Each structure stands twice: as C-alpha cells, then as structure tokens.
Amino acid sequence: MAITISPVDMTARRELDIRSGDTVRVVVKIKEKGKFRLQTFEGLVLARKHGREAGATITVRKVSSGVGVERIFPLYSPMIEKFEVVKRARVRRAKLYFIREKVAREARRQLRRARVVRTGSAESTETVDAESGTAEKSE
C-alpha cells in the first residue's frame, strides 16, 4: 500500500531538471468564482532556489506588452498543472538577474535609434531610423 503525501508526482518534476537559462512554459490552475481555469506563463528561468527539496522554486521572466513580468513558481505545488521545457540554453551563471538590466539597456538603445532630427524650419521634423536608414518627413 502506497502512502501519498502530495498529489504531485514529485519524481516526474525532479526528472525535468529545470535550470537557469531554460525557456519554460508553466501551466497554472487559477481559481475564479469557484471554478478552475488554466493559464500559461512562458518565459526564461532566471533562478532556481532551494535545490531539490520540497520547497524548491523557480523564477520565470517574460516580457508582456513591453513590460517585464516575473513570477516565482513552487516546483512541487499542486496548483501547477505542468511544466514544459521549450528550449534549453547553456549559461555560465546560476542566477541570471543581470538579464533585467540588459533588457532595460536594450530598450533605451532602441529609443535612441528612432530619434527626431530637426531640419531648417521649426515646423517640419524628420524621423530617421538609424538601423534601416529610412526617413519619414512630417510638416
């Protein structure tokens, strides 16, 4: 007779071997008005904490509508339907917290690319995209 301590198959979740740098899709059960619905969250694993113990967590980051969103998921929670490893990447760090600043720097760099260049008169401006070299003129 087997005694179940958790409704989650802990050996299957342990065998997934989710690491930093992996792109994962997490399917979460969300309770609304007495019913459960499934919601997916796909993003980059920034960190894995607490190793292989029962309280192990992963931090997943995605960019949604230009805003970075991070969620912390317990690995062995019954509220998580499943984890899917979409892509594996080889990284040199255990914690990828520097990705936050790297994304912010890249966003600022793109804003500088699409700069407004003034021409002779004050009313007309010319928007130049430095990457493609195209120009749009407005009067």
N, C-alpha and C. Protein backbone atom coordinates (compact mmCIF):
# COMPACT_ATOMS: atom_id res chain seq x y z
N MET A 1 0.84 -1.18 0.00
CA MET A 1 0.00 0.00 0.00
C MET A 1 0.89 1.25 0.00
N ALA A 2 0.69 2.12 -0.98
CA ALA A 2 1.49 3.33 -1.10
C ALA A 2 0.79 4.49 -0.40
N ILE A 3 1.56 5.25 0.33
CA ILE A 3 1.03 6.42 1.02
C ILE A 3 1.38 7.64 0.17
N THR A 4 0.36 8.41 -0.22
CA THR A 4 0.61 9.62 -1.00
C THR A 4 0.65 10.81 -0.06
N ILE A 5 1.76 11.50 -0.10
CA ILE A 5 1.91 12.69 0.73
C ILE A 5 1.48 13.92 -0.06
N SER A 6 1.76 13.92 -1.35
CA SER A 6 1.45 15.06 -2.20
C SER A 6 0.71 14.57 -3.45
N PRO A 7 -0.26 15.35 -3.94
CA PRO A 7 -0.94 14.96 -5.18
C PRO A 7 -0.07 15.13 -6.43
N VAL A 8 1.14 15.68 -6.25
CA VAL A 8 2.05 15.94 -7.36
C VAL A 8 3.01 14.77 -7.50
N ASP A 9 3.27 14.36 -8.74
CA ASP A 9 4.26 13.32 -8.99
C ASP A 9 5.65 13.96 -8.88
N MET A 10 6.24 13.85 -7.69
CA MET A 10 7.49 14.56 -7.41
C MET A 10 8.66 14.01 -8.22
N THR A 11 8.66 12.73 -8.51
CA THR A 11 9.77 12.17 -9.28
C THR A 11 9.75 12.68 -10.72
N ALA A 12 8.56 12.85 -11.29
CA ALA A 12 8.47 13.37 -12.67
C ALA A 12 8.94 14.82 -12.73
N ARG A 13 8.59 15.61 -11.72
CA ARG A 13 9.02 17.01 -11.71
C ARG A 13 10.52 17.11 -11.47
N ARG A 14 11.07 16.21 -10.66
CA ARG A 14 12.50 16.22 -10.40
C ARG A 14 13.28 15.84 -11.66
N GLU A 15 12.75 14.93 -12.46
CA GLU A 15 13.42 14.48 -13.68
C GLU A 15 13.41 15.53 -14.79
N LEU A 16 12.54 16.54 -14.69
CA LEU A 16 12.54 17.62 -15.68
C LEU A 16 13.87 18.36 -15.69
N ASP A 17 14.51 18.47 -14.53
CA ASP A 17 15.80 19.13 -14.38
C ASP A 17 15.78 20.54 -14.99
N ILE A 18 14.89 21.38 -14.46
CA ILE A 18 14.79 22.76 -14.92
C ILE A 18 15.96 23.55 -14.34
N ARG A 19 16.69 24.26 -15.20
CA ARG A 19 17.87 25.01 -14.80
C ARG A 19 17.74 26.46 -15.27
N SER A 20 18.65 27.30 -14.79
CA SER A 20 18.70 28.68 -15.25
C SER A 20 19.04 28.71 -16.73
N GLY A 21 18.40 29.61 -17.46
CA GLY A 21 18.64 29.72 -18.90
C GLY A 21 17.64 28.96 -19.74
N ASP A 22 16.88 28.05 -19.13
CA ASP A 22 15.87 27.30 -19.88
C ASP A 22 14.67 28.21 -20.15
N THR A 23 14.04 28.01 -21.28
CA THR A 23 12.77 28.66 -21.56
C THR A 23 11.68 27.63 -21.25
N VAL A 24 10.80 27.97 -20.32
CA VAL A 24 9.79 27.01 -19.88
C VAL A 24 8.39 27.57 -20.09
N ARG A 25 7.45 26.66 -20.23
CA ARG A 25 6.02 27.01 -20.29
C ARG A 25 5.38 26.37 -19.06
N VAL A 26 4.82 27.21 -18.20
CA VAL A 26 4.20 26.74 -16.96
C VAL A 26 2.70 26.89 -17.11
N VAL A 27 1.97 25.80 -16.87
CA VAL A 27 0.51 25.83 -16.93
C VAL A 27 0.01 25.84 -15.49
N VAL A 28 -0.65 26.94 -15.10
CA VAL A 28 -1.07 27.18 -13.72
C VAL A 28 -2.58 27.09 -13.62
N LYS A 29 -3.06 26.46 -12.55
CA LYS A 29 -4.50 26.43 -12.27
C LYS A 29 -4.85 27.69 -11.50
N ILE A 30 -5.84 28.42 -11.97
CA ILE A 30 -6.29 29.64 -11.29
C ILE A 30 -7.76 29.47 -10.94
N LYS A 31 -8.08 29.73 -9.67
CA LYS A 31 -9.46 29.57 -9.21
C LYS A 31 -10.18 30.91 -9.31
N GLU A 32 -11.26 30.93 -10.08
CA GLU A 32 -12.09 32.12 -10.24
C GLU A 32 -13.55 31.74 -10.11
N LYS A 33 -14.23 32.36 -9.20
CA LYS A 33 -15.67 32.14 -8.99
C LYS A 33 -16.01 30.66 -8.79
N GLY A 34 -15.21 29.98 -8.00
CA GLY A 34 -15.49 28.58 -7.70
C GLY A 34 -15.06 27.59 -8.76
N LYS A 35 -14.57 28.09 -9.91
CA LYS A 35 -14.12 27.21 -10.98
C LYS A 35 -12.62 27.38 -11.19
N PHE A 36 -12.01 26.36 -11.76
CA PHE A 36 -10.59 26.43 -12.09
C PHE A 36 -10.43 26.64 -13.58
N ARG A 37 -9.48 27.50 -13.95
CA ARG A 37 -9.11 27.65 -15.36
C ARG A 37 -7.60 27.53 -15.45
N LEU A 38 -7.10 27.24 -16.65
CA LEU A 38 -5.67 27.06 -16.85
C LEU A 38 -5.10 28.29 -17.54
N GLN A 39 -3.96 28.73 -17.06
CA GLN A 39 -3.28 29.88 -17.65
C GLN A 39 -1.82 29.51 -17.87
N THR A 40 -1.29 29.83 -19.06
CA THR A 40 0.11 29.51 -19.34
C THR A 40 0.98 30.75 -19.14
N PHE A 41 2.19 30.49 -18.71
CA PHE A 41 3.17 31.55 -18.50
C PHE A 41 4.46 31.01 -19.09
N GLU A 42 4.93 31.63 -20.16
CA GLU A 42 6.14 31.15 -20.83
C GLU A 42 7.23 32.20 -20.74
N GLY A 43 8.40 31.78 -20.29
CA GLY A 43 9.49 32.73 -20.16
C GLY A 43 10.80 32.07 -19.81
N LEU A 44 11.79 32.90 -19.51
CA LEU A 44 13.15 32.46 -19.22
C LEU A 44 13.31 32.22 -17.72
N VAL A 45 13.93 31.11 -17.36
CA VAL A 45 14.19 30.81 -15.96
C VAL A 45 15.41 31.61 -15.53
N LEU A 46 15.21 32.55 -14.59
CA LEU A 46 16.31 33.37 -14.09
C LEU A 46 17.05 32.66 -12.96
N ALA A 47 16.32 31.94 -12.11
CA ALA A 47 16.95 31.33 -10.95
C ALA A 47 16.16 30.11 -10.51
N ARG A 48 16.90 29.18 -9.92
CA ARG A 48 16.27 28.06 -9.24
C ARG A 48 16.79 28.09 -7.81
N LYS A 49 15.89 28.05 -6.85
CA LYS A 49 16.29 28.15 -5.45
C LYS A 49 15.85 26.92 -4.67
N HIS A 50 16.57 26.63 -3.62
CA HIS A 50 16.29 25.55 -2.66
C HIS A 50 16.45 24.15 -3.26
N GLY A 51 17.24 24.04 -4.31
CA GLY A 51 17.68 22.74 -4.84
C GLY A 51 16.57 21.76 -5.15
N ARG A 52 16.68 20.57 -4.56
CA ARG A 52 15.72 19.50 -4.83
C ARG A 52 14.75 19.26 -3.68
N GLU A 53 14.73 20.14 -2.69
CA GLU A 53 13.84 19.92 -1.55
C GLU A 53 12.40 20.25 -1.91
N ALA A 54 11.50 19.99 -0.99
CA ALA A 54 10.07 20.15 -1.25
C ALA A 54 9.67 21.60 -1.50
N GLY A 55 10.44 22.55 -0.96
CA GLY A 55 10.11 23.97 -1.13
C GLY A 55 10.85 24.62 -2.29
N ALA A 56 11.33 23.85 -3.25
CA ALA A 56 12.10 24.40 -4.37
C ALA A 56 11.24 25.32 -5.23
N THR A 57 11.85 26.42 -5.71
CA THR A 57 11.13 27.38 -6.54
C THR A 57 11.97 27.76 -7.75
N ILE A 58 11.28 28.24 -8.80
CA ILE A 58 11.97 28.81 -9.95
C ILE A 58 11.39 30.20 -10.21
N THR A 59 12.24 31.11 -10.68
CA THR A 59 11.81 32.45 -11.05
C THR A 59 11.80 32.52 -12.57
N VAL A 60 10.65 32.85 -13.15
CA VAL A 60 10.47 32.90 -14.61
C VAL A 60 10.16 34.32 -15.01
N ARG A 61 10.82 34.81 -16.06
CA ARG A 61 10.63 36.18 -16.55
C ARG A 61 10.19 36.17 -17.99
N LYS A 62 9.20 37.00 -18.31
CA LYS A 62 8.78 37.20 -19.69
C LYS A 62 8.51 38.68 -19.90
N VAL A 63 8.47 39.09 -21.16
CA VAL A 63 8.13 40.47 -21.50
C VAL A 63 6.75 40.45 -22.13
N SER A 64 5.81 41.15 -21.50
CA SER A 64 4.43 41.18 -21.98
C SER A 64 4.05 42.63 -22.26
N SER A 65 3.75 42.94 -23.50
CA SER A 65 3.38 44.30 -23.94
C SER A 65 4.45 45.32 -23.57
N GLY A 66 5.70 44.93 -23.70
CA GLY A 66 6.80 45.83 -23.43
C GLY A 66 7.16 45.98 -21.96
N VAL A 67 6.50 45.24 -21.08
CA VAL A 67 6.75 45.31 -19.65
C VAL A 67 7.25 43.95 -19.18
N GLY A 68 8.34 43.95 -18.44
CA GLY A 68 8.88 42.69 -17.91
C GLY A 68 8.05 42.20 -16.75
N VAL A 69 7.69 40.91 -16.78
CA VAL A 69 6.88 40.29 -15.73
C VAL A 69 7.65 39.09 -15.20
N GLU A 70 7.78 39.02 -13.88
CA GLU A 70 8.44 37.88 -13.25
C GLU A 70 7.48 37.21 -12.28
N ARG A 71 7.51 35.88 -12.29
CA ARG A 71 6.71 35.12 -11.33
C ARG A 71 7.58 34.05 -10.71
N ILE A 72 7.32 33.75 -9.46
CA ILE A 72 8.04 32.70 -8.75
C ILE A 72 7.07 31.53 -8.60
N PHE A 73 7.49 30.37 -9.10
CA PHE A 73 6.65 29.18 -9.06
C PHE A 73 7.26 28.13 -8.15
N PRO A 74 6.50 27.58 -7.21
CA PRO A 74 6.98 26.42 -6.45
C PRO A 74 6.98 25.20 -7.37
N LEU A 75 8.06 24.44 -7.36
CA LEU A 75 8.18 23.31 -8.28
C LEU A 75 7.16 22.22 -8.00
N TYR A 76 6.88 21.98 -6.73
CA TYR A 76 6.04 20.83 -6.37
C TYR A 76 4.65 21.24 -5.90
N SER A 77 4.16 22.38 -6.37
CA SER A 77 2.83 22.85 -5.98
C SER A 77 1.74 22.10 -6.74
N PRO A 78 0.67 21.73 -6.08
CA PRO A 78 -0.45 21.10 -6.79
C PRO A 78 -1.23 22.07 -7.67
N MET A 79 -1.01 23.38 -7.49
CA MET A 79 -1.70 24.37 -8.32
C MET A 79 -1.03 24.53 -9.69
N ILE A 80 0.08 23.85 -9.91
CA ILE A 80 0.74 23.89 -11.21
C ILE A 80 0.41 22.61 -11.94
N GLU A 81 -0.25 22.76 -13.07
CA GLU A 81 -0.67 21.60 -13.87
C GLU A 81 0.53 20.88 -14.45
N LYS A 82 1.39 21.66 -15.14
CA LYS A 82 2.59 21.03 -15.71
C LYS A 82 3.63 22.07 -16.08
N PHE A 83 4.86 21.58 -16.20
CA PHE A 83 5.99 22.36 -16.69
C PHE A 83 6.40 21.75 -18.02
N GLU A 84 6.69 22.61 -19.01
CA GLU A 84 7.24 22.15 -20.28
C GLU A 84 8.53 22.92 -20.54
N VAL A 85 9.60 22.20 -20.81
CA VAL A 85 10.85 22.87 -21.18
C VAL A 85 10.80 23.08 -22.69
N VAL A 86 10.68 24.34 -23.11
CA VAL A 86 10.56 24.69 -24.52
C VAL A 86 11.93 24.67 -25.18
N LYS A 87 12.93 25.27 -24.47
CA LYS A 87 14.26 25.40 -25.05
C LYS A 87 15.28 25.36 -23.92
N ARG A 88 16.39 24.71 -24.20
CA ARG A 88 17.49 24.69 -23.23
C ARG A 88 18.61 25.58 -23.75
N ALA A 89 19.24 26.31 -22.86
CA ALA A 89 20.34 27.17 -23.23
C ALA A 89 21.49 26.93 -22.26
N ARG A 90 22.70 27.01 -22.76
CA ARG A 90 23.88 26.85 -21.91
C ARG A 90 24.27 28.21 -21.37
N VAL A 91 24.23 28.35 -20.07
CA VAL A 91 24.58 29.63 -19.44
C VAL A 91 25.74 29.40 -18.48
N ARG A 92 26.42 30.48 -18.15
CA ARG A 92 27.60 30.39 -17.28
C ARG A 92 27.32 30.86 -15.86
N ARG A 93 26.10 31.17 -15.57
CA ARG A 93 25.73 31.65 -14.24
C ARG A 93 24.58 30.81 -13.69
N ALA A 94 24.52 30.72 -12.36
CA ALA A 94 23.41 30.02 -11.72
C ALA A 94 22.20 30.94 -11.59
N LYS A 95 22.45 32.23 -11.42
CA LYS A 95 21.37 33.21 -11.29
C LYS A 95 21.54 34.24 -12.39
N LEU A 96 20.51 34.45 -13.19
CA LEU A 96 20.58 35.34 -14.35
C LEU A 96 19.91 36.68 -14.09
N TYR A 97 20.12 37.26 -12.92
CA TYR A 97 19.47 38.52 -12.57
C TYR A 97 19.95 39.67 -13.42
N PHE A 98 21.11 39.55 -14.04
CA PHE A 98 21.63 40.63 -14.88
C PHE A 98 20.79 40.82 -16.14
N ILE A 99 19.96 39.86 -16.48
CA ILE A 99 19.08 39.97 -17.67
C ILE A 99 18.13 41.16 -17.52
N ARG A 100 17.71 41.46 -16.29
CA ARG A 100 16.81 42.59 -16.06
C ARG A 100 17.42 43.89 -16.57
N GLU A 101 18.66 44.16 -16.20
CA GLU A 101 19.32 45.39 -16.62
C GLU A 101 19.66 45.36 -18.10
N LYS A 102 19.99 44.18 -18.61
CA LYS A 102 20.36 44.05 -20.01
C LYS A 102 19.17 44.40 -20.91
N VAL A 103 17.98 43.96 -20.54
CA VAL A 103 16.78 44.26 -21.31
C VAL A 103 16.47 45.74 -21.25
N ALA A 104 16.65 46.36 -20.09
CA ALA A 104 16.38 47.80 -19.95
C ALA A 104 17.34 48.62 -20.81
N ARG A 105 18.61 48.21 -20.84
CA ARG A 105 19.59 48.92 -21.67
C ARG A 105 19.24 48.79 -23.15
N GLU A 106 18.79 47.62 -23.56
CA GLU A 106 18.42 47.40 -24.96
C GLU A 106 17.22 48.26 -25.35
N ALA A 107 16.26 48.42 -24.44
CA ALA A 107 15.08 49.25 -24.72
C ALA A 107 15.48 50.72 -24.88
N ARG A 108 16.39 51.19 -24.03
CA ARG A 108 16.85 52.57 -24.16
C ARG A 108 17.62 52.77 -25.46
N ARG A 109 18.37 51.78 -25.86
CA ARG A 109 19.14 51.86 -27.11
C ARG A 109 18.20 51.96 -28.31
N GLN A 110 17.10 51.22 -28.28
CA GLN A 110 16.14 51.29 -29.40
C GLN A 110 15.45 52.64 -29.45
N LEU A 111 15.19 53.26 -28.29
CA LEU A 111 14.58 54.59 -28.29
C LEU A 111 15.52 55.63 -28.90
N ARG A 112 16.81 55.46 -28.67
CA ARG A 112 17.77 56.40 -29.25
C ARG A 112 17.87 56.23 -30.76
N ARG A 113 17.66 55.01 -31.26
CA ARG A 113 17.76 54.76 -32.71
C ARG A 113 16.72 55.56 -33.48
N ALA A 114 15.51 55.58 -32.97
CA ALA A 114 14.44 56.31 -33.64
C ALA A 114 14.42 57.74 -33.09
N ARG A 115 15.36 58.53 -33.49
CA ARG A 115 15.47 59.90 -32.98
C ARG A 115 14.84 60.88 -33.96
N VAL A 116 14.54 62.03 -33.44
CA VAL A 116 13.94 63.08 -34.26
C VAL A 116 15.04 64.07 -34.63
N VAL A 117 15.19 64.32 -35.93
CA VAL A 117 16.21 65.24 -36.42
C VAL A 117 15.50 66.48 -36.95
N ARG A 118 15.91 67.65 -36.46
CA ARG A 118 15.29 68.91 -36.91
C ARG A 118 15.91 69.35 -38.23
N THR A 119 15.05 69.88 -39.12
CA THR A 119 15.53 70.43 -40.39
C THR A 119 15.50 71.95 -40.30
N GLY A 120 15.60 72.64 -41.42
CA GLY A 120 15.70 74.10 -41.45
C GLY A 120 14.58 74.83 -40.75
N SER A 121 13.33 74.49 -41.03
CA SER A 121 12.22 75.20 -40.40
C SER A 121 11.82 74.48 -39.11
N ALA A 122 11.18 75.23 -38.24
CA ALA A 122 10.81 74.68 -36.94
C ALA A 122 9.62 73.74 -37.02
N GLU A 123 8.77 73.93 -38.09
CA GLU A 123 7.54 73.13 -38.16
C GLU A 123 7.79 71.72 -38.66
N SER A 124 8.70 71.55 -39.59
CA SER A 124 8.89 70.22 -40.17
C SER A 124 9.97 69.46 -39.41
N THR A 125 9.66 68.21 -39.13
CA THR A 125 10.64 67.34 -38.48
C THR A 125 10.83 66.10 -39.34
N GLU A 126 11.97 65.49 -39.20
CA GLU A 126 12.28 64.29 -39.97
C GLU A 126 12.69 63.20 -38.99
N THR A 127 11.95 62.10 -39.03
CA THR A 127 12.27 60.97 -38.16
C THR A 127 13.16 60.02 -38.92
N VAL A 128 14.32 59.72 -38.38
CA VAL A 128 15.29 58.86 -39.05
C VAL A 128 15.47 57.60 -38.23
N ASP A 129 15.31 56.46 -38.87
CA ASP A 129 15.57 55.18 -38.23
C ASP A 129 17.01 54.82 -38.56
N ALA A 130 17.88 54.84 -37.56
CA ALA A 130 19.32 54.65 -37.78
C ALA A 130 19.64 53.24 -38.27
N GLU A 131 18.81 52.27 -37.90
CA GLU A 131 19.10 50.89 -38.29
C GLU A 131 18.87 50.67 -39.78
N SER A 132 17.74 51.13 -40.31
CA SER A 132 17.44 50.89 -41.72
C SER A 132 17.83 52.08 -42.61
N GLY A 133 17.99 53.27 -42.02
CA GLY A 133 18.38 54.44 -42.77
C GLY A 133 17.22 55.12 -43.48
N THR A 134 15.99 54.70 -43.19
CA THR A 134 14.83 55.31 -43.83
C THR A 134 14.43 56.58 -43.07
N ALA A 135 13.82 57.50 -43.78
CA ALA A 135 13.40 58.76 -43.18
C ALA A 135 11.94 59.03 -43.50
N GLU A 136 11.22 59.55 -42.51
CA GLU A 136 9.84 59.97 -42.71
C GLU A 136 9.76 61.46 -42.40
N LYS A 137 9.13 62.22 -43.31
CA LYS A 137 9.05 63.66 -43.12
C LYS A 137 7.62 64.05 -42.79
N SER A 138 7.48 64.91 -41.77
CA SER A 138 6.16 65.43 -41.43
C SER A 138 6.21 66.93 -41.38
N GLU A 139 5.13 67.58 -41.77
CA GLU A 139 5.09 69.06 -41.84
C GLU A 139 4.11 69.59 -40.84
